[in-house]
Amino acid sequence: MEARSLRWTDDRARPLVEQFMFKDPCADTVVVGTGLFRAGQRMPAEGFSTYGMREITVVLEGSIETRAGNSTKVLRAGDIVTIPPNERQVSNFLEDTKLIYIFFGAGAEVA
């Protein structure tokens, strides 16, 4: 798992800031969605989840403690995280949280 905080620039002539760049030659399917979780919620409710696609999540509001692979991170508003395909993960929502998620991969399905 790799996590970073989002940044913005005040340079109006160059308004875009690259956050992440990586190549995945197997990506032919993209899934984009939103999430709204309440403080104290856990995803999944029990155990761990795995997805056959790479995950990118952008936290818009709130905070999450996410465990993926051998790493645990607390993610807050403005943070972005990427999790490789098939990595076991679990998230505990520390505050009411809004997020955007993107899954992409080789025709795999998100459960």
PDB file of N, CA and C in Angstrom:
ATOM      1  N   MET A   1       0.856  -1.168   0.000  1.00  0.00           N
ATOM      2  CA  MET A   1       0.000   0.000   0.000  1.00  0.00           C
ATOM      3  C   MET A   1       0.900   1.227   0.000  1.00  0.00           C
ATOM      4  N   GLU A   2       0.506   2.201  -0.776  1.00  0.00           N
ATOM      5  CA  GLU A   2       1.212   3.476  -0.800  1.00  0.00           C
ATOM      6  C   GLU A   2       0.189   4.580  -0.562  1.00  0.00           C
ATOM      7  N   ALA A   3       0.500   5.509   0.327  1.00  0.00           N
ATOM      8  CA  ALA A   3      -0.426   6.602   0.630  1.00  0.00           C
ATOM      9  C   ALA A   3       0.311   7.927   0.561  1.00  0.00           C
ATOM     10  N   ARG A   4      -0.386   8.951   0.097  1.00  0.00           N
ATOM     11  CA  ARG A   4       0.155  10.301   0.020  1.00  0.00           C
ATOM     12  C   ARG A   4      -0.958  11.290   0.315  1.00  0.00           C
ATOM     13  N   SER A   5      -0.560  12.488   0.705  1.00  0.00           N
ATOM     14  CA  SER A   5      -1.533  13.561   0.870  1.00  0.00           C
ATOM     15  C   SER A   5      -1.643  14.317  -0.446  1.00  0.00           C
ATOM     16  N   LEU A   6      -2.862  14.668  -0.813  1.00  0.00           N
ATOM     17  CA  LEU A   6      -3.069  15.455  -2.029  1.00  0.00           C
ATOM     18  C   LEU A   6      -2.526  16.859  -1.827  1.00  0.00           C
ATOM     19  N   ARG A   7      -2.040  17.432  -2.909  1.00  0.00           N
ATOM     20  CA  ARG A   7      -1.502  18.786  -2.869  1.00  0.00           C
ATOM     21  C   ARG A   7      -2.177  19.602  -3.953  1.00  0.00           C
ATOM     22  N   TRP A   8      -2.269  20.898  -3.733  1.00  0.00           N
ATOM     23  CA  TRP A   8      -2.739  21.845  -4.734  1.00  0.00           C
ATOM     24  C   TRP A   8      -1.675  22.913  -4.872  1.00  0.00           C
ATOM     25  N   THR A   9      -1.665  23.575  -6.020  1.00  0.00           N
ATOM     26  CA  THR A   9      -0.696  24.635  -6.250  1.00  0.00           C
ATOM     27  C   THR A   9      -1.404  25.977  -6.332  1.00  0.00           C
ATOM     28  N   ASP A  10      -0.697  27.030  -5.978  1.00  0.00           N
ATOM     29  CA  ASP A  10      -1.210  28.398  -6.144  1.00  0.00           C
ATOM     30  C   ASP A  10      -0.790  28.981  -7.483  1.00  0.00           C
ATOM     31  N   ASP A  11      -0.007  28.239  -8.250  1.00  0.00           N
ATOM     32  CA  ASP A  11       0.487  28.689  -9.543  1.00  0.00           C
ATOM     33  C   ASP A  11      -0.626  28.544 -10.575  1.00  0.00           C
ATOM     34  N   ARG A  12      -1.322  29.637 -10.885  1.00  0.00           N
ATOM     35  CA  ARG A  12      -2.473  29.582 -11.800  1.00  0.00           C
ATOM     36  C   ARG A  12      -2.069  29.243 -13.227  1.00  0.00           C
ATOM     37  N   ALA A  13      -0.806  29.456 -13.583  1.00  0.00           N
ATOM     38  CA  ALA A  13      -0.335  29.108 -14.923  1.00  0.00           C
ATOM     39  C   ALA A  13      -0.122  27.597 -15.059  1.00  0.00           C
ATOM     40  N   ARG A  14       0.070  26.911 -13.938  1.00  0.00           N
ATOM     41  CA  ARG A  14       0.274  25.454 -13.925  1.00  0.00           C
ATOM     42  C   ARG A  14      -0.612  24.852 -12.835  1.00  0.00           C
ATOM     43  N   PRO A  15      -1.921  24.738 -13.081  1.00  0.00           N
ATOM     44  CA  PRO A  15      -2.859  24.355 -12.035  1.00  0.00           C
ATOM     45  C   PRO A  15      -2.902  22.867 -11.692  1.00  0.00           C
ATOM     46  N   LEU A  16      -2.318  22.008 -12.519  1.00  0.00           N
ATOM     47  CA  LEU A  16      -2.381  20.570 -12.270  1.00  0.00           C
ATOM     48  C   LEU A  16      -1.140  20.093 -11.526  1.00  0.00           C
ATOM     49  N   VAL A  17      -1.351  19.253 -10.515  1.00  0.00           N
ATOM     50  CA  VAL A  17      -0.250  18.673  -9.755  1.00  0.00           C
ATOM     51  C   VAL A  17      -0.363  17.159  -9.890  1.00  0.00           C
ATOM     52  N   GLU A  18       0.693  16.529 -10.392  1.00  0.00           N
ATOM     53  CA  GLU A  18       0.681  15.064 -10.512  1.00  0.00           C
ATOM     54  C   GLU A  18       0.817  14.455  -9.119  1.00  0.00           C
ATOM     55  N   GLN A  19      -0.075  13.531  -8.786  1.00  0.00           N
ATOM     56  CA  GLN A  19      -0.070  12.916  -7.466  1.00  0.00           C
ATOM     57  C   GLN A  19       0.577  11.521  -7.494  1.00  0.00           C
ATOM     58  N   PHE A  20       0.126  10.690  -8.411  1.00  0.00           N
ATOM     59  CA  PHE A  20       0.638   9.331  -8.559  1.00  0.00           C
ATOM     60  C   PHE A  20       0.839   9.066 -10.035  1.00  0.00           C
ATOM     61  N   MET A  21       1.841   8.275 -10.372  1.00  0.00           N
ATOM     62  CA  MET A  21       1.965   7.782 -11.729  1.00  0.00           C
ATOM     63  C   MET A  21       2.544   6.382 -11.662  1.00  0.00           C
ATOM     64  N   PHE A  22       1.842   5.441 -12.242  1.00  0.00           N
ATOM     65  CA  PHE A  22       2.358   4.089 -12.369  1.00  0.00           C
ATOM     66  C   PHE A  22       1.702   3.449 -13.565  1.00  0.00           C
ATOM     67  N   LYS A  23       2.332   2.432 -14.116  1.00  0.00           N
ATOM     68  CA  LYS A  23       1.811   1.757 -15.298  1.00  0.00           C
ATOM     69  C   LYS A  23       1.296   0.385 -14.907  1.00  0.00           C
ATOM     70  N   ASP A  24       0.208   0.000 -15.509  1.00  0.00           N
ATOM     71  CA  ASP A  24      -0.354  -1.319 -15.295  1.00  0.00           C
ATOM     72  C   ASP A  24      -0.833  -1.838 -16.649  1.00  0.00           C
ATOM     73  N   PRO A  25      -0.016  -2.635 -17.337  1.00  0.00           N
ATOM     74  CA  PRO A  25      -0.361  -3.084 -18.681  1.00  0.00           C
ATOM     75  C   PRO A  25      -1.577  -4.006 -18.713  1.00  0.00           C
ATOM     76  N   CYS A  26      -2.010  -4.476 -17.567  1.00  0.00           N
ATOM     77  CA  CYS A  26      -3.151  -5.399 -17.524  1.00  0.00           C
ATOM     78  C   CYS A  26      -4.490  -4.692 -17.350  1.00  0.00           C
ATOM     79  N   ALA A  27      -4.489  -3.373 -17.232  1.00  0.00           N
ATOM     80  CA  ALA A  27      -5.732  -2.659 -16.936  1.00  0.00           C
ATOM     81  C   ALA A  27      -6.580  -2.466 -18.182  1.00  0.00           C
ATOM     82  N   ASP A  28      -7.721  -3.132 -18.208  1.00  0.00           N
ATOM     83  CA  ASP A  28      -8.672  -2.923 -19.300  1.00  0.00           C
ATOM     84  C   ASP A  28     -10.075  -2.629 -18.789  1.00  0.00           C
ATOM     85  N   THR A  29     -10.238  -2.601 -17.458  1.00  0.00           N
ATOM     86  CA  THR A  29     -11.521  -2.301 -16.845  1.00  0.00           C
ATOM     87  C   THR A  29     -11.307  -1.258 -15.754  1.00  0.00           C
ATOM     88  N   VAL A  30     -12.174  -0.254 -15.724  1.00  0.00           N
ATOM     89  CA  VAL A  30     -12.098   0.786 -14.697  1.00  0.00           C
ATOM     90  C   VAL A  30     -13.465   0.922 -14.043  1.00  0.00           C
ATOM     91  N   VAL A  31     -13.487   0.952 -12.710  1.00  0.00           N
ATOM     92  CA  VAL A  31     -14.712   1.142 -11.934  1.00  0.00           C
ATOM     93  C   VAL A  31     -14.490   2.368 -11.058  1.00  0.00           C
ATOM     94  N   VAL A  32     -15.409   3.342 -11.100  1.00  0.00           N
ATOM     95  CA  VAL A  32     -15.316   4.548 -10.285  1.00  0.00           C
ATOM     96  C   VAL A  32     -16.577   4.646  -9.444  1.00  0.00           C
ATOM     97  N   GLY A  33     -16.432   4.974  -8.160  1.00  0.00           N
ATOM     98  CA  GLY A  33     -17.602   5.101  -7.308  1.00  0.00           C
ATOM     99  C   GLY A  33     -17.343   6.006  -6.125  1.00  0.00           C
ATOM    100  N   THR A  34     -18.359   6.174  -5.311  1.00  0.00           N
ATOM    101  CA  THR A  34     -18.264   7.002  -4.111  1.00  0.00           C
ATOM    102  C   THR A  34     -18.631   6.173  -2.892  1.00  0.00           C
ATOM    103  N   GLY A  35     -18.185   6.609  -1.734  1.00  0.00           N
ATOM    104  CA  GLY A  35     -18.524   5.938  -0.485  1.00  0.00           C
ATOM    105  C   GLY A  35     -18.866   6.964   0.574  1.00  0.00           C
ATOM    106  N   LEU A  36     -19.843   6.638   1.392  1.00  0.00           N
ATOM    107  CA  LEU A  36     -20.227   7.469   2.531  1.00  0.00           C
ATOM    108  C   LEU A  36     -20.341   6.532   3.726  1.00  0.00           C
ATOM    109  N   PHE A  37     -19.439   6.663   4.681  1.00  0.00           N
ATOM    110  CA  PHE A  37     -19.366   5.769   5.828  1.00  0.00           C
ATOM    111  C   PHE A  37     -19.542   6.568   7.108  1.00  0.00           C
ATOM    112  N   ARG A  38     -20.091   5.931   8.111  1.00  0.00           N
ATOM    113  CA  ARG A  38     -20.300   6.559   9.418  1.00  0.00           C
ATOM    114  C   ARG A  38     -19.166   6.176  10.369  1.00  0.00           C
ATOM    115  N   ALA A  39     -18.864   7.045  11.305  1.00  0.00           N
ATOM    116  CA  ALA A  39     -17.859   6.767  12.331  1.00  0.00           C
ATOM    117  C   ALA A  39     -18.194   5.449  13.016  1.00  0.00           C
ATOM    118  N   GLY A  40     -17.194   4.600  13.199  1.00  0.00           N
ATOM    119  CA  GLY A  40     -17.394   3.307  13.845  1.00  0.00           C
ATOM    120  C   GLY A  40     -17.690   2.178  12.874  1.00  0.00           C
ATOM    121  N   GLN A  41     -17.984   2.494  11.623  1.00  0.00           N
ATOM    122  CA  GLN A  41     -18.247   1.470  10.621  1.00  0.00           C
ATOM    123  C   GLN A  41     -16.946   0.768  10.262  1.00  0.00           C
ATOM    124  N   ARG A  42     -17.055  -0.494   9.832  1.00  0.00           N
ATOM    125  CA  ARG A  42     -15.904  -1.290   9.419  1.00  0.00           C
ATOM    126  C   ARG A  42     -16.209  -1.870   8.052  1.00  0.00           C
ATOM    127  N   MET A  43     -15.193  -1.914   7.185  1.00  0.00           N
ATOM    128  CA  MET A  43     -15.382  -2.458   5.839  1.00  0.00           C
ATOM    129  C   MET A  43     -14.273  -3.441   5.545  1.00  0.00           C
ATOM    130  N   PRO A  44     -14.553  -4.743   5.377  1.00  0.00           N
ATOM    131  CA  PRO A  44     -15.860  -5.372   5.511  1.00  0.00           C
ATOM    132  C   PRO A  44     -16.255  -5.480   6.983  1.00  0.00           C
ATOM    133  N   ALA A  45     -17.503  -5.829   7.217  1.00  0.00           N
ATOM    134  CA  ALA A  45     -18.009  -5.909   8.590  1.00  0.00           C
ATOM    135  C   ALA A  45     -17.214  -6.919   9.414  1.00  0.00           C
ATOM    136  N   GLU A  46     -16.741  -7.986   8.779  1.00  0.00           N
ATOM    137  CA  GLU A  46     -15.920  -9.013   9.448  1.00  0.00           C
ATOM    138  C   GLU A  46     -14.817  -9.459   8.506  1.00  0.00           C
ATOM    139  N   GLY A  47     -13.692  -9.859   9.069  1.00  0.00           N
ATOM    140  CA  GLY A  47     -12.603 -10.410   8.263  1.00  0.00           C
ATOM    141  C   GLY A  47     -11.931  -9.367   7.392  1.00  0.00           C
ATOM    142  N   PHE A  48     -11.469  -9.819   6.240  1.00  0.00           N
ATOM    143  CA  PHE A  48     -10.752  -8.968   5.288  1.00  0.00           C
ATOM    144  C   PHE A  48     -11.409  -9.081   3.927  1.00  0.00           C
ATOM    145  N   SER A  49     -11.165  -8.096   3.075  1.00  0.00           N
ATOM    146  CA  SER A  49     -11.625  -8.188   1.692  1.00  0.00           C
ATOM    147  C   SER A  49     -10.401  -8.175   0.788  1.00  0.00           C
ATOM    148  N   THR A  50     -10.579  -8.715  -0.405  1.00  0.00           N
ATOM    149  CA  THR A  50      -9.562  -8.627  -1.454  1.00  0.00           C
ATOM    150  C   THR A  50     -10.289  -8.334  -2.753  1.00  0.00           C
ATOM    151  N   TYR A  51      -9.628  -7.609  -3.620  1.00  0.00           N
ATOM    152  CA  TYR A  51     -10.199  -7.274  -4.917  1.00  0.00           C
ATOM    153  C   TYR A  51      -9.186  -7.647  -5.991  1.00  0.00           C
ATOM    154  N   GLY A  52      -9.666  -8.146  -7.098  1.00  0.00           N
ATOM    155  CA  GLY A  52      -8.801  -8.553  -8.189  1.00  0.00           C
ATOM    156  C   GLY A  52      -8.309  -7.392  -9.025  1.00  0.00           C
ATOM    157  N   MET A  53      -8.561  -6.181  -8.569  1.00  0.00           N
ATOM    158  CA  MET A  53      -8.168  -4.986  -9.313  1.00  0.00           C
ATOM    159  C   MET A  53      -7.368  -4.062  -8.397  1.00  0.00           C
ATOM    160  N   ARG A  54      -6.519  -3.216  -8.986  1.00  0.00           N
ATOM    161  CA  ARG A  54      -5.827  -2.185  -8.203  1.00  0.00           C
ATOM    162  C   ARG A  54      -6.879  -1.187  -7.707  1.00  0.00           C
ATOM    163  N   GLU A  55      -6.697  -0.715  -6.486  1.00  0.00           N
ATOM    164  CA  GLU A  55      -7.622   0.258  -5.902  1.00  0.00           C
ATOM    165  C   GLU A  55      -6.902   1.578  -5.662  1.00  0.00           C
ATOM    166  N   ILE A  56      -7.579   2.659  -5.984  1.00  0.00           N
ATOM    167  CA  ILE A  56      -7.137   4.003  -5.614  1.00  0.00           C
ATOM    168  C   ILE A  56      -8.310   4.646  -4.891  1.00  0.00           C
ATOM    169  N   THR A  57      -8.063   5.168  -3.709  1.00  0.00           N
ATOM    170  CA  THR A  57      -9.115   5.849  -2.942  1.00  0.00           C
ATOM    171  C   THR A  57      -8.631   7.245  -2.574  1.00  0.00           C
ATOM    172  N   VAL A  58      -9.511   8.219  -2.755  1.00  0.00           N
ATOM    173  CA  VAL A  58      -9.250   9.605  -2.364  1.00  0.00           C
ATOM    174  C   VAL A  58     -10.219   9.940  -1.241  1.00  0.00           C
ATOM    175  N   VAL A  59      -9.694  10.306  -0.085  1.00  0.00           N
ATOM    176  CA  VAL A  59     -10.526  10.672   1.062  1.00  0.00           C
ATOM    177  C   VAL A  59     -10.884  12.149   0.938  1.00  0.00           C
ATOM    178  N   LEU A  60     -12.173  12.436   0.839  1.00  0.00           N
ATOM    179  CA  LEU A  60     -12.644  13.811   0.705  1.00  0.00           C
ATOM    180  C   LEU A  60     -12.933  14.450   2.057  1.00  0.00           C
ATOM    181  N   GLU A  61     -13.532  13.666   2.961  1.00  0.00           N
ATOM    182  CA  GLU A  61     -13.873  14.144   4.313  1.00  0.00           C
ATOM    183  C   GLU A  61     -13.697  12.990   5.275  1.00  0.00           C
ATOM    184  N   GLY A  62     -13.335  13.302   6.522  1.00  0.00           N
ATOM    185  CA  GLY A  62     -13.273  12.282   7.553  1.00  0.00           C
ATOM    186  C   GLY A  62     -11.910  11.639   7.677  1.00  0.00           C
ATOM    187  N   SER A  63     -11.880  10.441   8.317  1.00  0.00           N
ATOM    188  CA  SER A  63     -10.631   9.707   8.481  1.00  0.00           C
ATOM    189  C   SER A  63     -10.909   8.211   8.599  1.00  0.00           C
ATOM    190  N   ILE A  64      -9.922   7.442   8.150  1.00  0.00           N
ATOM    191  CA  ILE A  64     -10.014   5.980   8.064  1.00  0.00           C
ATOM    192  C   ILE A  64      -8.695   5.388   8.536  1.00  0.00           C
ATOM    193  N   GLU A  65      -8.766   4.313   9.287  1.00  0.00           N
ATOM    194  CA  GLU A  65      -7.579   3.503   9.550  1.00  0.00           C
ATOM    195  C   GLU A  65      -7.678   2.285   8.640  1.00  0.00           C
ATOM    196  N   THR A  66      -6.743   2.160   7.698  1.00  0.00           N
ATOM    197  CA  THR A  66      -6.768   1.067   6.730  1.00  0.00           C
ATOM    198  C   THR A  66      -5.550   0.185   6.914  1.00  0.00           C
ATOM    199  N   ARG A  67      -5.805  -1.111   6.944  1.00  0.00           N
ATOM    200  CA  ARG A  67      -4.736  -2.104   6.995  1.00  0.00           C
ATOM    201  C   ARG A  67      -4.762  -2.863   5.682  1.00  0.00           C
ATOM    202  N   ALA A  68      -3.647  -2.871   4.978  1.00  0.00           N
ATOM    203  CA  ALA A  68      -3.532  -3.603   3.714  1.00  0.00           C
ATOM    204  C   ALA A  68      -2.144  -4.217   3.669  1.00  0.00           C
ATOM    205  N   GLY A  69      -2.086  -5.504   3.349  1.00  0.00           N
ATOM    206  CA  GLY A  69      -0.792  -6.186   3.361  1.00  0.00           C
ATOM    207  C   GLY A  69      -0.194  -6.092   4.744  1.00  0.00           C
ATOM    208  N   ASN A  70       1.046  -5.651   4.840  1.00  0.00           N
ATOM    209  CA  ASN A  70       1.738  -5.524   6.132  1.00  0.00           C
ATOM    210  C   ASN A  70       1.780  -4.091   6.640  1.00  0.00           C
ATOM    211  N   SER A  71       0.913  -3.239   6.120  1.00  0.00           N
ATOM    212  CA  SER A  71       0.961  -1.817   6.444  1.00  0.00           C
ATOM    213  C   SER A  71      -0.377  -1.334   6.994  1.00  0.00           C
ATOM    214  N   THR A  72      -0.323  -0.456   7.984  1.00  0.00           N
ATOM    215  CA  THR A  72      -1.517   0.199   8.515  1.00  0.00           C
ATOM    216  C   THR A  72      -1.298   1.705   8.431  1.00  0.00           C
ATOM    217  N   LYS A  73      -2.285   2.409   7.880  1.00  0.00           N
ATOM    218  CA  LYS A  73      -2.196   3.864   7.721  1.00  0.00           C
ATOM    219  C   LYS A  73      -3.490   4.501   8.204  1.00  0.00           C
ATOM    220  N   VAL A  74      -3.374   5.689   8.793  1.00  0.00           N
ATOM    221  CA  VAL A  74      -4.541   6.513   9.069  1.00  0.00           C
ATOM    222  C   VAL A  74      -4.611   7.525   7.936  1.00  0.00           C
ATOM    223  N   LEU A  75      -5.723   7.502   7.216  1.00  0.00           N
ATOM    224  CA  LEU A  75      -5.939   8.370   6.063  1.00  0.00           C
ATOM    225  C   LEU A  75      -6.941   9.441   6.446  1.00  0.00           C
ATOM    226  N   ARG A  76      -6.629  10.671   6.071  1.00  0.00           N
ATOM    227  CA  ARG A  76      -7.493  11.802   6.398  1.00  0.00           C
ATOM    228  C   ARG A  76      -7.897  12.530   5.127  1.00  0.00           C
ATOM    229  N   ALA A  77      -8.824  13.463   5.260  1.00  0.00           N
ATOM    230  CA  ALA A  77      -9.262  14.260   4.107  1.00  0.00           C
ATOM    231  C   ALA A  77      -8.048  14.807   3.376  1.00  0.00           C
ATOM    232  N   GLY A  78      -8.025  14.603   2.066  1.00  0.00           N
ATOM    233  CA  GLY A  78      -6.908  15.049   1.245  1.00  0.00           C
ATOM    234  C   GLY A  78      -5.882  13.983   0.975  1.00  0.00           C
ATOM    235  N   ASP A  79      -6.028  12.802   1.597  1.00  0.00           N
ATOM    236  CA  ASP A  79      -5.085  11.711   1.355  1.00  0.00           C
ATOM    237  C   ASP A  79      -5.574  10.832   0.208  1.00  0.00           C
ATOM    238  N   ILE A  80      -4.615  10.219  -0.464  1.00  0.00           N
ATOM    239  CA  ILE A  80      -4.895   9.282  -1.546  1.00  0.00           C
ATOM    240  C   ILE A  80      -4.086   8.022  -1.263  1.00  0.00           C
ATOM    241  N   VAL A  81      -4.683   6.877  -1.504  1.00  0.00           N
ATOM    242  CA  VAL A  81      -4.014   5.601  -1.244  1.00  0.00           C
ATOM    243  C   VAL A  81      -4.204   4.698  -2.456  1.00  0.00           C
ATOM    244  N   THR A  82      -3.210   3.881  -2.742  1.00  0.00           N
ATOM    245  CA  THR A  82      -3.342   2.863  -3.776  1.00  0.00           C
ATOM    246  C   THR A  82      -2.989   1.515  -3.165  1.00  0.00           C
ATOM    247  N   ILE A  83      -3.798   0.521  -3.473  1.00  0.00           N
ATOM    248  CA  ILE A  83      -3.606  -0.831  -2.945  1.00  0.00           C
ATOM    249  C   ILE A  83      -3.540  -1.785  -4.136  1.00  0.00           C
ATOM    250  N   PRO A  84      -2.490  -2.615  -4.198  1.00  0.00           N
ATOM    251  CA  PRO A  84      -2.348  -3.544  -5.321  1.00  0.00           C
ATOM    252  C   PRO A  84      -3.476  -4.582  -5.362  1.00  0.00           C
ATOM    253  N   PRO A  85      -3.679  -5.210  -6.518  1.00  0.00           N
ATOM    254  CA  PRO A  85      -4.696  -6.251  -6.634  1.00  0.00           C
ATOM    255  C   PRO A  85      -4.428  -7.399  -5.659  1.00  0.00           C
ATOM    256  N   ASN A  86      -5.496  -7.991  -5.174  1.00  0.00           N
ATOM    257  CA  ASN A  86      -5.466  -9.204  -4.338  1.00  0.00           C
ATOM    258  C   ASN A  86      -4.773  -9.029  -2.990  1.00  0.00           C
ATOM    259  N   GLU A  87      -4.611  -7.787  -2.527  1.00  0.00           N
ATOM    260  CA  GLU A  87      -4.015  -7.557  -1.217  1.00  0.00           C
ATOM    261  C   GLU A  87      -5.129  -7.508  -0.170  1.00  0.00           C
ATOM    262  N   ARG A  88      -4.985  -8.316   0.884  1.00  0.00           N
ATOM    263  CA  ARG A  88      -5.995  -8.332   1.962  1.00  0.00           C
ATOM    264  C   ARG A  88      -6.053  -6.965   2.627  1.00  0.00           C
ATOM    265  N   GLN A  89      -7.292  -6.516   2.884  1.00  0.00           N
ATOM    266  CA  GLN A  89      -7.444  -5.188   3.477  1.00  0.00           C
ATOM    267  C   GLN A  89      -8.678  -5.118   4.368  1.00  0.00           C
ATOM    268  N   VAL A  90      -8.619  -4.166   5.307  1.00  0.00           N
ATOM    269  CA  VAL A  90      -9.747  -3.861   6.176  1.00  0.00           C
ATOM    270  C   VAL A  90      -9.649  -2.386   6.548  1.00  0.00           C
ATOM    271  N   SER A  91     -10.795  -1.712   6.653  1.00  0.00           N
ATOM    272  CA  SER A  91     -10.820  -0.296   7.013  1.00  0.00           C
ATOM    273  C   SER A  91     -11.778  -0.060   8.172  1.00  0.00           C
ATOM    274  N   ASN A  92     -11.333   0.739   9.128  1.00  0.00           N
ATOM    275  CA  ASN A  92     -12.165   1.194  10.241  1.00  0.00           C
ATOM    276  C   ASN A  92     -12.327   2.702  10.083  1.00  0.00           C
ATOM    277  N   PHE A  93     -13.564   3.153  10.071  1.00  0.00           N
ATOM    278  CA  PHE A  93     -13.848   4.567   9.847  1.00  0.00           C
ATOM    279  C   PHE A  93     -13.875   5.285  11.190  1.00  0.00           C
ATOM    280  N   LEU A  94     -12.932   6.203  11.363  1.00  0.00           N
ATOM    281  CA  LEU A  94     -12.749   6.906  12.632  1.00  0.00           C
ATOM    282  C   LEU A  94     -13.706   8.078  12.769  1.00  0.00           C
ATOM    283  N   GLU A  95     -14.138   8.614  11.628  1.00  0.00           N
ATOM    284  CA  GLU A  95     -15.086   9.725  11.576  1.00  0.00           C
ATOM    285  C   GLU A  95     -16.035   9.456  10.409  1.00  0.00           C
ATOM    286  N   ASP A  96     -17.148  10.189  10.360  1.00  0.00           N
ATOM    287  CA  ASP A  96     -17.978  10.135   9.160  1.00  0.00           C
ATOM    288  C   ASP A  96     -17.067  10.474   7.985  1.00  0.00           C
ATOM    289  N   THR A  97     -17.137   9.675   6.923  1.00  0.00           N
ATOM    290  CA  THR A  97     -16.155   9.784   5.835  1.00  0.00           C
ATOM    291  C   THR A  97     -16.819   9.722   4.472  1.00  0.00           C
ATOM    292  N   LYS A  98     -16.402  10.626   3.594  1.00  0.00           N
ATOM    293  CA  LYS A  98     -16.783  10.610   2.176  1.00  0.00           C
ATOM    294  C   LYS A  98     -15.527  10.318   1.379  1.00  0.00           C
ATOM    295  N   LEU A  99     -15.666   9.437   0.382  1.00  0.00           N
ATOM    296  CA  LEU A  99     -14.507   9.120  -0.439  1.00  0.00           C
ATOM    297  C   LEU A  99     -14.911   8.818  -1.872  1.00  0.00           C
ATOM    298  N   ILE A 100     -13.925   8.853  -2.739  1.00  0.00           N
ATOM    299  CA  ILE A 100     -14.071   8.420  -4.128  1.00  0.00           C
ATOM    300  C   ILE A 100     -13.117   7.252  -4.302  1.00  0.00           C
ATOM    301  N   TYR A 101     -13.598   6.177  -4.939  1.00  0.00           N
ATOM    302  CA  TYR A 101     -12.707   5.048  -5.200  1.00  0.00           C
ATOM    303  C   TYR A 101     -12.673   4.745  -6.692  1.00  0.00           C
ATOM    304  N   ILE A 102     -11.538   4.220  -7.112  1.00  0.00           N
ATOM    305  CA  ILE A 102     -11.330   3.809  -8.497  1.00  0.00           C
ATOM    306  C   ILE A 102     -10.677   2.432  -8.449  1.00  0.00           C
ATOM    307  N   PHE A 103     -11.253   1.468  -9.139  1.00  0.00           N
ATOM    308  CA  PHE A 103     -10.658   0.155  -9.305  1.00  0.00           C
ATOM    309  C   PHE A 103     -10.312   0.004 -10.779  1.00  0.00           C
ATOM    310  N   PHE A 104      -9.155  -0.565 -11.072  1.00  0.00           N
ATOM    311  CA  PHE A 104      -8.863  -0.884 -12.460  1.00  0.00           C
ATOM    312  C   PHE A 104      -8.011  -2.135 -12.538  1.00  0.00           C
ATOM    313  N   GLY A 105      -8.231  -2.873 -13.617  1.00  0.00           N
ATOM    314  CA  GLY A 105      -7.509  -4.120 -13.794  1.00  0.00           C
ATOM    315  C   GLY A 105      -7.964  -4.820 -15.064  1.00  0.00           C
ATOM    316  N   ALA A 106      -7.613  -6.080 -15.138  1.00  0.00           N
ATOM    317  CA  ALA A 106      -7.857  -6.879 -16.333  1.00  0.00           C
ATOM    318  C   ALA A 106      -9.192  -7.616 -16.239  1.00  0.00           C
ATOM    319  N   GLY A 107     -10.276  -6.904 -16.433  1.00  0.00           N
ATOM    320  CA  GLY A 107     -11.595  -7.520 -16.499  1.00  0.00           C
ATOM    321  C   GLY A 107     -12.052  -8.180 -15.210  1.00  0.00           C
ATOM    322  N   ALA A 108     -11.339  -7.949 -14.122  1.00  0.00           N
ATOM    323  CA  ALA A 108     -11.740  -8.532 -12.840  1.00  0.00           C
ATOM    324  C   ALA A 108     -12.987  -7.813 -12.335  1.00  0.00           C
ATOM    325  N   GLU A 109     -13.664  -8.445 -11.409  1.00  0.00           N
ATOM    326  CA  GLU A 109     -14.863  -7.828 -10.841  1.00  0.00           C
ATOM    327  C   GLU A 109     -14.595  -7.379  -9.417  1.00  0.00           C
ATOM    328  N   VAL A 110     -15.286  -6.328  -9.020  1.00  0.00           N
ATOM    329  CA  VAL A 110     -15.210  -5.827  -7.655  1.00  0.00           C
ATOM    330  C   VAL A 110     -16.399  -6.395  -6.917  1.00  0.00           C
ATOM    331  N   ALA A 111     -16.134  -7.045  -5.778  1.00  0.00           N
ATOM    332  CA  ALA A 111     -17.223  -7.651  -4.998  1.00  0.00           C
ATOM    333  C   ALA A 111     -17.704  -6.708  -3.928  1.00  0.00           C
TER     334      ALA A 111
END
